[in-house]
Amino acid sequence: MSASRRRELLRPAFLALAVLLIVLGIGPRNAPPRTWPARVNGTRYVISAENSSAGIPVVETGGSRWEMGFALGRLLQAEIRDAVAAAHAFCAAGALPPGNSCADASAGLRQALPPVFLAEAEGLAAGAGVRTADILLLNALFEAWFPPADGSLGTAGFAAWGPAVVSGQALLGAGWRPAEGVPLVWVVRRPDDGLGSATLGLPGWLGGVAGLNEAHVAGWALPARTSDSSPAGLPASLILRGALEQTASNQEALRWSMGQPHSGGAQVVFAGEASADGVEWSARMQEPLASDANTIFAAGLFHHPTLAAVQLPALDPSLFHAVQQSAESAQANLRANSGWMGREKGLDFLRAWAEGETTAGPEKHPVAVVLMEPAEMRVYAGTAGAVQPLAFTVFEPLSAPAHR
């Protein structure tokens, strides 16, 4: 047989081998490798991830509670370990209010945590190779992850609905200035025993600071430092997640949230397709968040006098007064847009707030912002740095997973 004939017969085999090597990741590829794995398959769960041009990754998982936690722990192992190390550093620096210890916070959360969340925490720990107590500590330090900077709010959120919005459909927007080096991630969960939901939080968190569910309910939570706290309660991030998994309307979500044990201070707002409701609470007190012309604005500063009396200013009096003035200015800006509010106005409002945050104080940490339209099941999320403009991406969190 001639050499040319042998080459012709062997060519299909070489091509098949080349394809196999590329599939296995051994050979060269035209596209650069992804920062986040595309999919991790298990016997009963699937998790997928995609990069976001706004710098906030999106991961998706489903299955039993332990399986979801284990899958997330495997995928986000390095990020979770970094977050756990940061949590222990916060404890060493005395991040909790006076009279509270990190050990008490972790133990108290274990006692208050519903069994389904404890199972997920155990799965997260197993997947990430850390202790369950580390995951609980990471989740208990809700307020510590978003410290206010000099002259800045640190967090802010708004809701608009009805006559305040051009379409009449509800809009929710919020922003957070996390501590330096703290990343955020969107997690879409499809548990076997609850509503599907998407939440924004830290790697290793069981809950989130914002999210929405498949019943068209969205919500956000802002931490508020307070002297009225309890280790035997749940942080607002976990209460937000629980409400999104258990309820199908904003009124139900609000009632469910108010019925849970609270570990500390927070302002929480839920919206359905055409209305919104909010509440602010400490460990032992809670009051509705006042609405003004179909709008709600909050900035981690309690509105109700009784709750304001237990507010812990993390800044000296002059800076705290400047923060209050900034909050009043933002609220006036929101009120001025009432009646004209739409997606672009909502994004403009968040841009203006974020630009103010990134120029206030000596720190120039990135600011994460989110705009949610529960009626349309859309989320616009992005980050703003000291000099770079805001970048928003459209995220449809409840697309069908590849496998179940």
Protein backbone atom coordinates (compact mmCIF):
# COMPACT_ATOMS: atom_id res chain seq x y z
CA MET A 1 0.00 0.00 0.00
CA SER A 2 1.38 3.38 -0.94
CA ALA A 3 2.22 6.03 1.68
CA SER A 4 -0.38 8.43 0.27
CA ARG A 5 -3.06 5.74 0.52
CA ARG A 6 -2.11 5.05 4.16
CA ARG A 7 -2.31 8.78 4.99
CA GLU A 8 -5.74 8.96 3.37
CA LEU A 9 -7.02 6.02 5.43
CA LEU A 10 -5.59 7.38 8.71
CA ARG A 11 -6.86 10.96 8.24
CA PRO A 12 -10.35 10.27 9.78
CA ALA A 13 -8.71 8.71 12.83
CA PHE A 14 -6.41 11.71 13.31
CA LEU A 15 -9.36 14.08 12.97
CA ALA A 16 -11.37 12.12 15.53
CA LEU A 17 -8.42 12.16 17.94
CA ALA A 18 -8.00 15.93 17.51
CA VAL A 19 -11.68 16.53 18.26
CA LEU A 20 -11.43 14.30 21.35
CA LEU A 21 -8.37 16.18 22.64
CA ILE A 22 -10.11 19.53 22.19
CA VAL A 23 -13.23 18.29 23.99
CA LEU A 24 -11.04 17.07 26.86
CA GLY A 25 -9.28 20.42 26.99
CA ILE A 26 -5.89 19.03 25.94
CA GLY A 27 -5.50 20.60 22.54
CA PRO A 28 -5.52 24.26 21.46
CA ARG A 29 -8.74 26.27 21.29
CA ASN A 30 -9.63 29.42 19.48
CA ALA A 31 -11.42 30.94 22.49
CA PRO A 32 -9.56 31.72 25.74
CA PRO A 33 -10.45 29.59 28.77
CA ARG A 34 -13.37 30.85 30.87
CA THR A 35 -12.73 32.22 34.31
CA TRP A 36 -15.70 30.29 35.68
CA PRO A 37 -16.39 26.61 34.83
CA ALA A 38 -19.23 26.17 32.38
CA ARG A 39 -20.82 23.18 34.11
CA VAL A 40 -20.20 20.71 36.92
CA ASN A 41 -22.38 17.65 36.64
CA GLY A 42 -23.30 15.31 39.48
CA THR A 43 -25.73 12.48 39.91
CA ARG A 44 -28.66 14.72 40.85
CA TYR A 45 -27.57 18.31 40.47
CA VAL A 46 -26.33 20.63 37.80
CA ILE A 47 -24.52 23.89 38.21
CA SER A 48 -23.61 26.23 35.41
CA ALA A 49 -21.83 29.56 35.43
CA GLU A 50 -21.27 32.41 33.04
CA ASN A 51 -19.11 35.48 33.11
CA SER A 52 -20.76 38.86 33.42
CA SER A 53 -19.25 41.84 31.65
CA ALA A 54 -20.25 43.83 34.72
CA GLY A 55 -17.84 41.82 36.84
CA ILE A 56 -20.48 39.91 38.83
CA PRO A 57 -20.54 36.20 37.89
CA VAL A 58 -23.79 34.23 37.66
CA VAL A 59 -24.04 30.60 38.79
CA GLU A 60 -27.01 28.26 38.64
CA THR A 61 -27.75 25.06 40.55
CA GLY A 62 -30.60 22.74 41.52
CA GLY A 63 -31.35 19.58 43.49
CA SER A 64 -31.56 18.80 47.19
CA ARG A 65 -30.35 21.35 49.72
CA TRP A 66 -27.11 19.50 50.48
CA GLU A 67 -26.46 18.88 46.79
CA MET A 68 -26.93 22.54 45.91
CA GLY A 69 -24.55 23.56 48.68
CA PHE A 70 -21.94 20.98 47.73
CA ALA A 71 -22.03 22.00 44.06
CA LEU A 72 -21.63 25.68 44.95
CA GLY A 73 -18.85 24.85 47.38
CA ARG A 74 -16.92 22.98 44.70
CA LEU A 75 -17.35 25.69 42.10
CA LEU A 76 -16.58 28.63 44.41
CA GLN A 77 -14.04 26.88 46.61
CA ALA A 78 -11.28 29.49 46.37
CA GLU A 79 -13.69 32.42 46.75
CA ILE A 80 -15.41 30.82 49.77
CA ARG A 81 -12.09 30.14 51.49
CA ASP A 82 -11.05 33.76 50.93
CA ALA A 83 -14.38 34.95 52.36
CA VAL A 84 -13.99 32.69 55.41
CA ALA A 85 -10.51 34.11 56.00
CA ALA A 86 -11.95 37.64 55.75
CA ALA A 87 -14.69 36.71 58.25
CA HIS A 88 -12.11 35.56 60.79
CA ALA A 89 -10.17 38.77 60.16
CA PHE A 90 -13.33 40.78 60.87
CA CYS A 91 -13.70 38.91 64.15
CA ALA A 92 -10.09 39.61 65.11
CA ALA A 93 -10.68 43.30 64.37
CA GLY A 94 -13.86 43.46 66.50
CA ALA A 95 -16.32 43.97 63.64
CA LEU A 96 -19.40 43.04 65.67
CA PRO A 97 -21.20 45.52 67.98
CA PRO A 98 -20.02 45.62 71.62
CA GLY A 99 -21.18 42.66 73.68
CA ASN A 100 -21.40 40.28 70.73
CA SER A 101 -18.79 37.70 69.81
CA CYS A 102 -18.25 35.87 66.54
CA ALA A 103 -18.49 32.54 68.37
CA ASP A 104 -21.89 33.52 69.75
CA ALA A 105 -23.00 34.72 66.31
CA SER A 106 -22.06 31.42 64.66
CA ALA A 107 -23.61 29.28 67.41
CA GLY A 108 -26.74 31.41 67.52
CA LEU A 109 -27.23 31.15 63.78
CA ARG A 110 -26.93 27.35 63.97
CA GLN A 111 -29.76 27.29 66.50
CA ALA A 112 -31.99 29.68 64.54
CA LEU A 113 -31.29 28.27 61.08
CA PRO A 114 -34.10 26.24 59.46
CA PRO A 115 -33.06 22.62 58.75
CA VAL A 116 -33.11 23.15 54.97
CA PHE A 117 -30.57 25.98 55.24
CA LEU A 118 -28.42 24.03 57.68
CA ALA A 119 -28.28 21.15 55.18
CA GLU A 120 -27.18 23.58 52.48
CA ALA A 121 -24.54 25.05 54.81
CA GLU A 122 -23.18 21.56 55.47
CA GLY A 123 -23.04 20.91 51.73
CA LEU A 124 -21.25 24.22 51.13
CA ALA A 125 -18.68 23.36 53.78
CA ALA A 126 -18.08 19.90 52.33
CA GLY A 127 -17.71 21.24 48.81
CA ALA A 128 -15.39 24.09 49.78
CA GLY A 129 -13.34 22.07 52.25
CA VAL A 130 -14.10 24.27 55.26
CA ARG A 131 -15.99 23.76 58.53
CA THR A 132 -19.74 24.22 58.77
CA ALA A 133 -19.03 26.67 61.59
CA ASP A 134 -17.03 28.76 59.10
CA ILE A 135 -20.00 28.94 56.71
CA LEU A 136 -22.29 29.93 59.58
CA LEU A 137 -19.87 32.67 60.68
CA LEU A 138 -19.64 33.94 57.11
CA ASN A 139 -23.44 34.29 57.02
CA ALA A 140 -23.82 35.70 60.54
CA LEU A 141 -21.64 38.74 59.81
CA PHE A 142 -24.27 40.38 57.60
CA GLU A 143 -23.64 43.97 58.70
CA ALA A 144 -19.84 43.70 58.74
CA TRP A 145 -19.57 43.10 54.99
CA PHE A 146 -21.00 46.52 54.08
CA PRO A 147 -19.34 49.12 56.34
CA PRO A 148 -20.09 52.80 55.62
CA ALA A 149 -17.08 54.84 54.52
CA ASP A 150 -16.31 58.43 55.45
CA GLY A 151 -19.10 60.60 54.10
CA SER A 152 -20.80 57.77 52.20
CA LEU A 153 -24.03 55.87 52.73
CA GLY A 154 -22.54 52.43 52.13
CA THR A 155 -25.94 51.13 50.99
CA ALA A 156 -29.12 52.57 49.48
CA GLY A 157 -32.28 51.21 47.92
CA PHE A 158 -35.52 52.39 46.37
CA ALA A 159 -38.84 51.05 45.17
CA ALA A 160 -41.30 52.73 42.81
CA TRP A 161 -44.67 51.50 41.61
CA GLY A 162 -48.10 52.57 40.41
CA PRO A 163 -48.39 56.23 39.35
CA ALA A 164 -44.68 56.78 40.12
CA VAL A 165 -43.69 54.52 37.20
CA VAL A 166 -44.48 55.15 33.55
CA SER A 167 -45.51 51.53 32.97
CA GLY A 168 -47.23 51.21 36.34
CA GLN A 169 -45.10 48.14 37.01
CA ALA A 170 -42.89 48.02 40.08
CA LEU A 171 -39.18 48.83 39.97
CA LEU A 172 -36.67 47.99 42.69
CA GLY A 173 -33.15 49.37 42.73
CA ALA A 174 -30.36 49.14 45.28
CA GLY A 175 -26.64 49.52 45.72
CA TRP A 176 -24.02 48.23 48.13
CA ARG A 177 -20.46 49.23 48.82
CA PRO A 178 -18.91 46.00 50.13
CA ALA A 179 -15.75 45.88 52.20
CA GLU A 180 -12.49 45.92 50.30
CA GLY A 181 -11.75 42.71 48.45
CA VAL A 182 -15.23 41.23 48.99
CA PRO A 183 -16.64 39.81 45.72
CA LEU A 184 -20.33 39.35 44.95
CA VAL A 185 -21.99 36.58 42.96
CA TRP A 186 -25.49 35.91 41.62
CA VAL A 187 -26.74 32.43 42.58
CA VAL A 188 -29.80 30.93 40.88
CA ARG A 189 -31.18 28.05 42.94
CA ARG A 190 -33.87 25.55 41.97
CA PRO A 191 -34.44 23.51 45.11
CA ASP A 192 -36.46 20.32 45.01
CA ASP A 193 -38.68 21.67 47.82
CA GLY A 194 -39.14 25.40 47.14
CA LEU A 195 -39.61 28.16 44.59
CA GLY A 196 -36.71 28.90 42.26
CA SER A 197 -34.92 32.12 43.15
CA ALA A 198 -31.90 34.23 42.23
CA THR A 199 -29.99 36.10 44.95
CA LEU A 200 -26.99 38.42 45.03
CA GLY A 201 -24.54 37.75 47.84
CA LEU A 202 -21.08 36.70 48.89
CA PRO A 203 -19.57 33.34 47.86
CA GLY A 204 -20.60 30.99 50.66
CA TRP A 205 -23.69 32.93 51.62
CA LEU A 206 -26.97 31.08 52.01
CA GLY A 207 -28.94 34.28 51.39
CA GLY A 208 -28.49 37.58 49.60
CA VAL A 209 -28.88 41.33 49.63
CA ALA A 210 -31.19 41.27 46.59
CA GLY A 211 -33.12 38.72 44.58
CA LEU A 212 -36.30 37.62 42.88
CA ASN A 213 -38.25 34.39 42.49
CA GLU A 214 -40.18 32.59 39.79
CA ALA A 215 -43.46 33.99 41.20
CA HIS A 216 -42.43 37.53 40.12
CA VAL A 217 -41.53 38.70 43.63
CA ALA A 218 -38.34 40.73 44.10
CA GLY A 219 -36.69 42.19 47.16
CA TRP A 220 -33.62 43.82 48.64
CA ALA A 221 -32.14 44.08 52.14
CA LEU A 222 -29.94 46.84 53.56
CA PRO A 223 -27.98 46.31 56.79
CA ALA A 224 -28.46 48.89 59.55
CA ARG A 225 -26.12 48.87 62.51
CA THR A 226 -27.99 48.85 65.80
CA SER A 227 -27.42 48.33 69.51
CA ASP A 228 -30.49 46.07 69.56
CA SER A 229 -29.16 42.74 68.29
CA SER A 230 -29.45 39.06 69.15
CA PRO A 231 -27.30 36.04 68.27
CA ALA A 232 -30.44 33.88 68.33
CA GLY A 233 -31.87 35.31 65.13
CA LEU A 234 -31.49 35.30 61.36
CA PRO A 235 -29.65 37.96 59.34
CA ALA A 236 -31.76 39.85 56.82
CA SER A 237 -29.89 38.16 53.95
CA LEU A 238 -31.24 34.75 55.01
CA ILE A 239 -34.72 36.10 55.71
CA LEU A 240 -34.80 37.57 52.20
CA ARG A 241 -33.84 34.21 50.67
CA GLY A 242 -36.41 32.35 52.77
CA ALA A 243 -39.20 34.74 51.82
CA LEU A 244 -38.41 34.37 48.11
CA GLU A 245 -38.54 30.57 48.38
CA GLN A 246 -41.71 30.41 50.46
CA THR A 247 -44.05 33.13 49.17
CA ALA A 248 -45.73 34.16 45.93
CA SER A 249 -46.61 37.84 46.60
CA ASN A 250 -44.87 40.84 48.11
CA GLN A 251 -47.45 41.07 50.91
CA GLU A 252 -46.86 37.41 51.83
CA ALA A 253 -43.10 37.91 51.65
CA LEU A 254 -43.30 40.90 53.99
CA ARG A 255 -45.48 39.06 56.52
CA TRP A 256 -43.22 36.01 56.41
CA SER A 257 -40.13 38.17 56.97
CA MET A 258 -41.65 40.03 59.89
CA GLY A 259 -42.50 36.71 61.55
CA GLN A 260 -38.90 35.48 61.64
CA PRO A 261 -36.41 36.02 64.49
CA HIS A 262 -34.11 38.92 63.59
CA SER A 263 -30.44 39.01 64.54
CA GLY A 264 -29.96 42.75 64.05
CA GLY A 265 -30.93 45.83 62.10
CA ALA A 266 -32.08 45.94 58.49
CA GLN A 267 -34.39 47.62 56.01
CA VAL A 268 -36.15 45.21 53.65
CA VAL A 269 -38.45 45.87 50.68
CA PHE A 270 -40.43 43.41 48.56
CA ALA A 271 -42.26 44.15 45.30
CA GLY A 272 -44.59 42.19 43.09
CA GLU A 273 -45.57 43.17 39.58
CA ALA A 274 -47.41 46.36 40.54
CA SER A 275 -46.84 47.22 44.22
CA ALA A 276 -44.17 47.26 46.92
CA ASP A 277 -44.00 47.07 50.72
CA GLY A 278 -41.14 47.63 53.14
CA VAL A 279 -40.19 47.21 56.77
CA GLU A 280 -37.30 48.21 59.01
CA TRP A 281 -36.37 46.22 62.08
CA SER A 282 -33.92 45.63 64.86
CA ALA A 283 -33.74 42.39 66.84
CA ARG A 284 -36.83 43.19 68.93
CA MET A 285 -38.64 46.01 67.11
CA GLN A 286 -40.05 46.52 63.63
CA GLU A 287 -41.97 49.26 61.84
CA PRO A 288 -43.28 49.67 58.25
CA LEU A 289 -41.11 51.69 55.90
CA ALA A 290 -43.06 54.82 55.00
CA SER A 291 -43.92 55.30 51.34
CA ASP A 292 -44.04 58.70 49.67
CA ALA A 293 -46.07 59.06 46.46
CA ASN A 294 -45.68 55.38 45.56
CA THR A 295 -41.96 55.38 46.30
CA ILE A 296 -39.80 54.05 49.12
CA PHE A 297 -36.23 55.13 49.79
CA ALA A 298 -33.87 53.69 52.40
CA ALA A 299 -30.17 54.03 53.10
CA GLY A 300 -29.46 51.95 56.18
CA LEU A 301 -30.70 54.84 58.35
CA PHE A 302 -33.84 54.10 60.36
CA HIS A 303 -36.84 56.35 59.70
CA HIS A 304 -38.97 55.49 62.73
CA PRO A 305 -37.95 57.42 65.89
CA THR A 306 -38.06 54.33 68.12
CA LEU A 307 -35.71 52.45 65.83
CA ALA A 308 -33.55 55.52 65.21
CA ALA A 309 -32.88 55.59 68.96
CA VAL A 310 -30.99 52.28 68.72
CA GLN A 311 -29.09 53.19 65.52
CA LEU A 312 -25.33 52.80 65.87
CA PRO A 313 -23.53 55.56 63.93
CA ALA A 314 -20.37 53.97 62.58
CA LEU A 315 -19.13 57.51 61.82
CA ASP A 316 -18.44 60.48 64.06
CA PRO A 317 -21.38 62.92 64.48
CA SER A 318 -20.29 65.36 61.76
CA LEU A 319 -19.79 62.63 59.17
CA PHE A 320 -23.02 60.92 60.23
CA HIS A 321 -24.85 64.21 59.65
CA ALA A 322 -23.27 64.40 56.17
CA VAL A 323 -24.52 60.89 55.45
CA GLN A 324 -28.04 61.90 56.53
CA GLN A 325 -27.92 64.91 54.21
CA SER A 326 -26.77 62.67 51.36
CA ALA A 327 -29.70 60.33 52.02
CA GLU A 328 -32.15 63.24 52.03
CA SER A 329 -30.71 64.49 48.73
CA ALA A 330 -31.06 61.06 47.14
CA GLN A 331 -34.64 60.78 48.38
CA ALA A 332 -35.47 64.21 46.92
CA ASN A 333 -33.96 63.10 43.61
CA LEU A 334 -36.13 59.99 43.64
CA ARG A 335 -39.23 62.06 44.42
CA ALA A 336 -38.41 64.44 41.55
CA ASN A 337 -38.41 61.51 39.13
CA SER A 338 -41.72 60.17 40.44
CA GLY A 339 -44.21 59.92 37.60
CA TRP A 340 -41.43 59.71 35.04
CA MET A 341 -39.69 56.71 36.51
CA GLY A 342 -38.84 53.90 34.14
CA ARG A 343 -35.96 51.57 33.54
CA GLU A 344 -33.61 54.30 32.28
CA LYS A 345 -34.57 56.72 35.06
CA GLY A 346 -34.03 53.95 37.58
CA LEU A 347 -30.60 53.21 36.17
CA ASP A 348 -29.77 56.93 36.12
CA PHE A 349 -30.74 57.19 39.78
CA LEU A 350 -28.44 54.28 40.65
CA ARG A 351 -25.63 55.74 38.55
CA ALA A 352 -25.86 59.07 40.35
CA TRP A 353 -25.85 57.36 43.75
CA ALA A 354 -22.94 55.07 42.85
CA GLU A 355 -20.84 57.91 41.45
CA GLY A 356 -21.31 59.77 44.71
CA GLU A 357 -20.29 56.70 46.69
CA THR A 358 -17.11 56.10 44.72
CA THR A 359 -15.95 59.69 45.22
CA ALA A 360 -16.86 59.93 48.93
CA GLY A 361 -14.21 59.18 51.52
CA PRO A 362 -10.67 57.91 51.05
CA GLU A 363 -11.68 54.42 49.91
CA LYS A 364 -12.49 53.82 46.26
CA HIS A 365 -14.06 50.39 46.58
CA PRO A 366 -16.30 49.18 43.74
CA VAL A 367 -20.03 49.68 44.21
CA ALA A 368 -22.48 46.98 43.13
CA VAL A 369 -25.88 48.13 41.85
CA VAL A 370 -29.00 46.20 40.88
CA LEU A 371 -32.27 47.19 39.18
CA MET A 372 -35.07 44.60 39.19
CA GLU A 373 -38.30 44.47 37.20
CA PRO A 374 -40.31 41.63 38.76
CA ALA A 375 -43.11 41.84 36.18
CA GLU A 376 -40.61 41.25 33.37
CA MET A 377 -38.37 38.90 35.38
CA ARG A 378 -35.38 41.06 34.50
CA VAL A 379 -32.35 42.08 36.53
CA TYR A 380 -29.85 44.75 35.53
CA ALA A 381 -26.67 44.46 37.57
CA GLY A 382 -23.27 46.07 37.44
CA THR A 383 -20.36 47.60 39.31
CA ALA A 384 -18.92 51.10 39.43
CA GLY A 385 -15.32 51.89 40.27
CA ALA A 386 -13.69 55.20 41.08
CA VAL A 387 -13.06 56.08 37.43
CA GLN A 388 -14.79 53.48 35.32
CA PRO A 389 -18.44 53.98 34.29
CA LEU A 390 -21.23 51.75 35.44
CA ALA A 391 -21.71 48.64 33.32
CA PHE A 392 -25.11 46.99 33.39
CA THR A 393 -25.94 43.59 32.00
CA VAL A 394 -29.32 42.02 31.45
CA PHE A 395 -29.74 38.79 33.39
CA GLU A 396 -32.66 36.43 32.95
CA PRO A 397 -32.14 34.36 36.08
CA LEU A 398 -34.79 31.70 35.66
CA SER A 399 -33.91 30.19 32.28
CA ALA A 400 -34.31 26.41 32.13
CA PRO A 401 -31.21 24.53 33.33
CA ALA A 402 -29.47 22.14 30.98
CA HIS A 403 -30.11 19.08 33.14
CA ARG A 404 -32.11 18.06 36.21
